[in-house]
């Protein structure tokens, strides 16, 4: 493995960072809102599943208990 001196390393890092395509402010806002919406929908889904399972278990337990 070849060793790179710190100056070369910094130059290489700058060259790689300059190749990065940064998202626009609008893209960041849009994806952030989408993440929050999907997280809320997922929370509602799992809450409903939890309620359904709880209701089913209570029904079974009262039937045999």
N, C-alpha and C. Protein backbone atom coordinates (compact mmCIF):
# COMPACT_ATOMS: atom_id res chain seq x y z
N UNK A 1 0.85 -1.18 0.00
CA UNK A 1 0.00 0.00 0.00
C UNK A 1 0.89 1.24 0.00
N UNK A 2 0.68 2.12 -0.96
CA UNK A 2 1.49 3.33 -1.07
C UNK A 2 1.03 4.35 -0.03
N UNK A 3 1.99 5.02 0.59
CA UNK A 3 1.63 6.05 1.56
C UNK A 3 1.51 7.39 0.85
N UNK A 4 0.56 8.18 1.31
CA UNK A 4 0.31 9.50 0.73
C UNK A 4 0.60 10.53 1.79
N UNK A 5 1.33 11.57 1.42
CA UNK A 5 1.60 12.59 2.42
C UNK A 5 0.33 13.42 2.65
N UNK A 6 0.26 14.12 3.77
CA UNK A 6 -0.96 14.86 4.11
C UNK A 6 -1.39 15.89 3.06
N UNK A 7 -0.45 16.54 2.39
CA UNK A 7 -0.79 17.53 1.38
C UNK A 7 -1.48 16.87 0.19
N UNK A 8 -0.96 15.75 -0.26
CA UNK A 8 -1.58 15.02 -1.37
C UNK A 8 -2.97 14.53 -0.97
N UNK A 9 -3.09 14.07 0.27
CA UNK A 9 -4.38 13.59 0.75
C UNK A 9 -5.42 14.70 0.70
N UNK A 10 -5.07 15.87 1.18
CA UNK A 10 -6.00 17.01 1.18
C UNK A 10 -6.37 17.39 -0.25
N UNK A 11 -5.41 17.37 -1.15
CA UNK A 11 -5.70 17.68 -2.55
C UNK A 11 -6.66 16.66 -3.15
N UNK A 12 -6.45 15.39 -2.84
CA UNK A 12 -7.33 14.34 -3.35
C UNK A 12 -8.74 14.48 -2.78
N UNK A 13 -8.83 14.81 -1.51
CA UNK A 13 -10.14 15.00 -0.88
C UNK A 13 -10.87 16.16 -1.54
N UNK A 14 -10.19 17.27 -1.75
CA UNK A 14 -10.81 18.42 -2.42
C UNK A 14 -11.28 18.07 -3.82
N UNK A 15 -10.47 17.30 -4.54
CA UNK A 15 -10.84 16.90 -5.90
C UNK A 15 -12.10 16.04 -5.89
N UNK A 16 -12.20 15.12 -4.93
CA UNK A 16 -13.38 14.26 -4.84
C UNK A 16 -14.61 15.04 -4.40
N UNK A 17 -14.46 15.95 -3.45
CA UNK A 17 -15.59 16.74 -2.97
C UNK A 17 -16.11 17.65 -4.08
N UNK A 18 -15.23 18.11 -4.94
CA UNK A 18 -15.68 18.98 -6.04
C UNK A 18 -16.53 18.21 -7.06
N UNK A 19 -16.44 16.87 -7.06
CA UNK A 19 -17.24 16.06 -7.97
C UNK A 19 -18.65 15.80 -7.45
N UNK A 20 -18.87 16.06 -6.17
CA UNK A 20 -20.16 15.77 -5.56
C UNK A 20 -21.23 16.71 -6.12
N UNK A 21 -22.39 16.13 -6.46
CA UNK A 21 -23.52 16.93 -6.92
C UNK A 21 -24.44 17.12 -5.72
N UNK A 22 -24.44 18.32 -5.17
CA UNK A 22 -25.22 18.60 -3.97
C UNK A 22 -26.68 18.86 -4.35
N UNK A 23 -27.62 18.38 -3.52
CA UNK A 23 -29.04 18.62 -3.82
C UNK A 23 -29.40 20.09 -3.62
N UNK A 24 -30.44 20.51 -4.34
CA UNK A 24 -30.90 21.89 -4.18
C UNK A 24 -31.71 21.99 -2.90
N UNK A 25 -31.96 23.21 -2.47
CA UNK A 25 -32.75 23.44 -1.27
C UNK A 25 -34.15 22.85 -1.43
N UNK A 26 -34.72 22.98 -2.62
CA UNK A 26 -36.06 22.44 -2.89
C UNK A 26 -36.07 20.92 -2.78
N UNK A 27 -35.05 20.26 -3.33
CA UNK A 27 -34.96 18.80 -3.25
C UNK A 27 -34.85 18.34 -1.79
N UNK A 28 -34.07 19.05 -1.00
CA UNK A 28 -33.91 18.68 0.41
C UNK A 28 -35.24 18.85 1.15
N UNK A 29 -35.93 19.95 0.91
CA UNK A 29 -37.21 20.19 1.57
C UNK A 29 -38.23 19.14 1.15
N UNK A 30 -38.28 18.83 -0.14
CA UNK A 30 -39.24 17.86 -0.65
C UNK A 30 -39.00 16.47 -0.06
N UNK A 31 -37.77 16.04 -0.06
CA UNK A 31 -37.48 14.71 0.49
C UNK A 31 -37.70 14.67 2.00
N UNK A 32 -37.44 15.77 2.69
CA UNK A 32 -37.68 15.83 4.14
C UNK A 32 -39.17 15.69 4.43
N UNK A 33 -40.00 16.41 3.69
CA UNK A 33 -41.45 16.32 3.87
C UNK A 33 -41.92 14.91 3.55
N UNK A 34 -41.39 14.31 2.49
CA UNK A 34 -41.78 12.95 2.13
C UNK A 34 -41.43 11.96 3.24
N UNK A 35 -40.28 12.12 3.85
CA UNK A 35 -39.87 11.23 4.94
C UNK A 35 -40.83 11.37 6.12
N UNK A 36 -41.19 12.61 6.48
CA UNK A 36 -42.12 12.81 7.59
C UNK A 36 -43.49 12.22 7.28
N UNK A 37 -43.97 12.38 6.06
CA UNK A 37 -45.28 11.83 5.68
C UNK A 37 -45.24 10.30 5.74
N UNK A 38 -44.21 9.70 5.18
CA UNK A 38 -44.11 8.24 5.21
C UNK A 38 -43.95 7.72 6.63
N UNK A 39 -43.21 8.43 7.48
CA UNK A 39 -43.08 8.02 8.88
C UNK A 39 -44.43 8.08 9.58
N UNK A 40 -45.22 9.11 9.32
CA UNK A 40 -46.54 9.24 9.92
C UNK A 40 -47.47 8.13 9.43
N UNK A 41 -47.45 7.85 8.13
CA UNK A 41 -48.28 6.77 7.58
C UNK A 41 -47.88 5.41 8.16
N UNK A 42 -46.59 5.18 8.31
CA UNK A 42 -46.12 3.94 8.91
C UNK A 42 -46.57 3.82 10.36
N UNK A 43 -46.50 4.92 11.10
CA UNK A 43 -46.94 4.90 12.50
C UNK A 43 -48.43 4.59 12.59
N UNK A 44 -49.22 5.19 11.72
CA UNK A 44 -50.67 4.92 11.72
C UNK A 44 -50.93 3.46 11.36
N UNK A 45 -50.24 2.95 10.36
CA UNK A 45 -50.41 1.55 9.95
C UNK A 45 -50.12 0.61 11.11
N UNK A 46 -48.98 0.79 11.77
CA UNK A 46 -48.63 -0.12 12.86
C UNK A 46 -49.54 0.06 14.07
N UNK A 47 -50.04 1.26 14.29
CA UNK A 47 -51.02 1.46 15.37
C UNK A 47 -52.29 0.68 15.07
N UNK A 48 -52.76 0.72 13.84
CA UNK A 48 -53.95 -0.03 13.45
C UNK A 48 -53.72 -1.54 13.56
N UNK A 49 -52.57 -2.00 13.13
CA UNK A 49 -52.24 -3.42 13.25
C UNK A 49 -52.21 -3.82 14.73
N UNK A 50 -51.65 -2.98 15.57
CA UNK A 50 -51.58 -3.26 17.00
C UNK A 50 -52.99 -3.35 17.59
N UNK A 51 -53.84 -2.42 17.22
CA UNK A 51 -55.23 -2.43 17.72
C UNK A 51 -55.94 -3.69 17.25
N UNK A 52 -55.76 -4.08 16.00
CA UNK A 52 -56.40 -5.27 15.45
C UNK A 52 -55.92 -6.53 16.17
N UNK A 53 -54.63 -6.65 16.39
CA UNK A 53 -54.09 -7.82 17.07
C UNK A 53 -54.58 -7.86 18.52
N UNK A 54 -54.58 -6.70 19.19
CA UNK A 54 -55.05 -6.64 20.57
C UNK A 54 -56.52 -7.06 20.66
N UNK A 55 -57.34 -6.57 19.74
CA UNK A 55 -58.76 -6.92 19.72
C UNK A 55 -58.93 -8.43 19.49
N UNK A 56 -58.16 -8.98 18.55
CA UNK A 56 -58.24 -10.40 18.26
C UNK A 56 -57.84 -11.25 19.45
N UNK A 57 -56.75 -10.89 20.11
CA UNK A 57 -56.31 -11.64 21.28
C UNK A 57 -57.31 -11.55 22.42
N UNK A 58 -57.85 -10.36 22.65
CA UNK A 58 -58.85 -10.23 23.70
C UNK A 58 -60.08 -11.07 23.40
N UNK A 59 -60.49 -11.12 22.16
CA UNK A 59 -61.64 -11.93 21.77
C UNK A 59 -61.38 -13.41 22.03
N UNK A 60 -60.20 -13.87 21.63
CA UNK A 60 -59.85 -15.28 21.83
C UNK A 60 -59.74 -15.60 23.32
N UNK A 61 -59.11 -14.73 24.08
CA UNK A 61 -58.91 -14.99 25.51
C UNK A 61 -60.23 -14.97 26.28
N UNK A 62 -61.16 -14.08 25.93
CA UNK A 62 -62.46 -14.06 26.60
C UNK A 62 -63.31 -15.26 26.19
N UNK A 63 -63.09 -15.78 24.99
CA UNK A 63 -63.85 -16.94 24.52
C UNK A 63 -63.44 -18.19 25.30
N UNK A 64 -62.13 -18.32 25.57
CA UNK A 64 -61.62 -19.52 26.24
C UNK A 64 -61.29 -19.27 27.70
N UNK A 65 -61.50 -18.07 28.19
CA UNK A 65 -61.12 -17.76 29.57
C UNK A 65 -62.24 -17.66 30.45
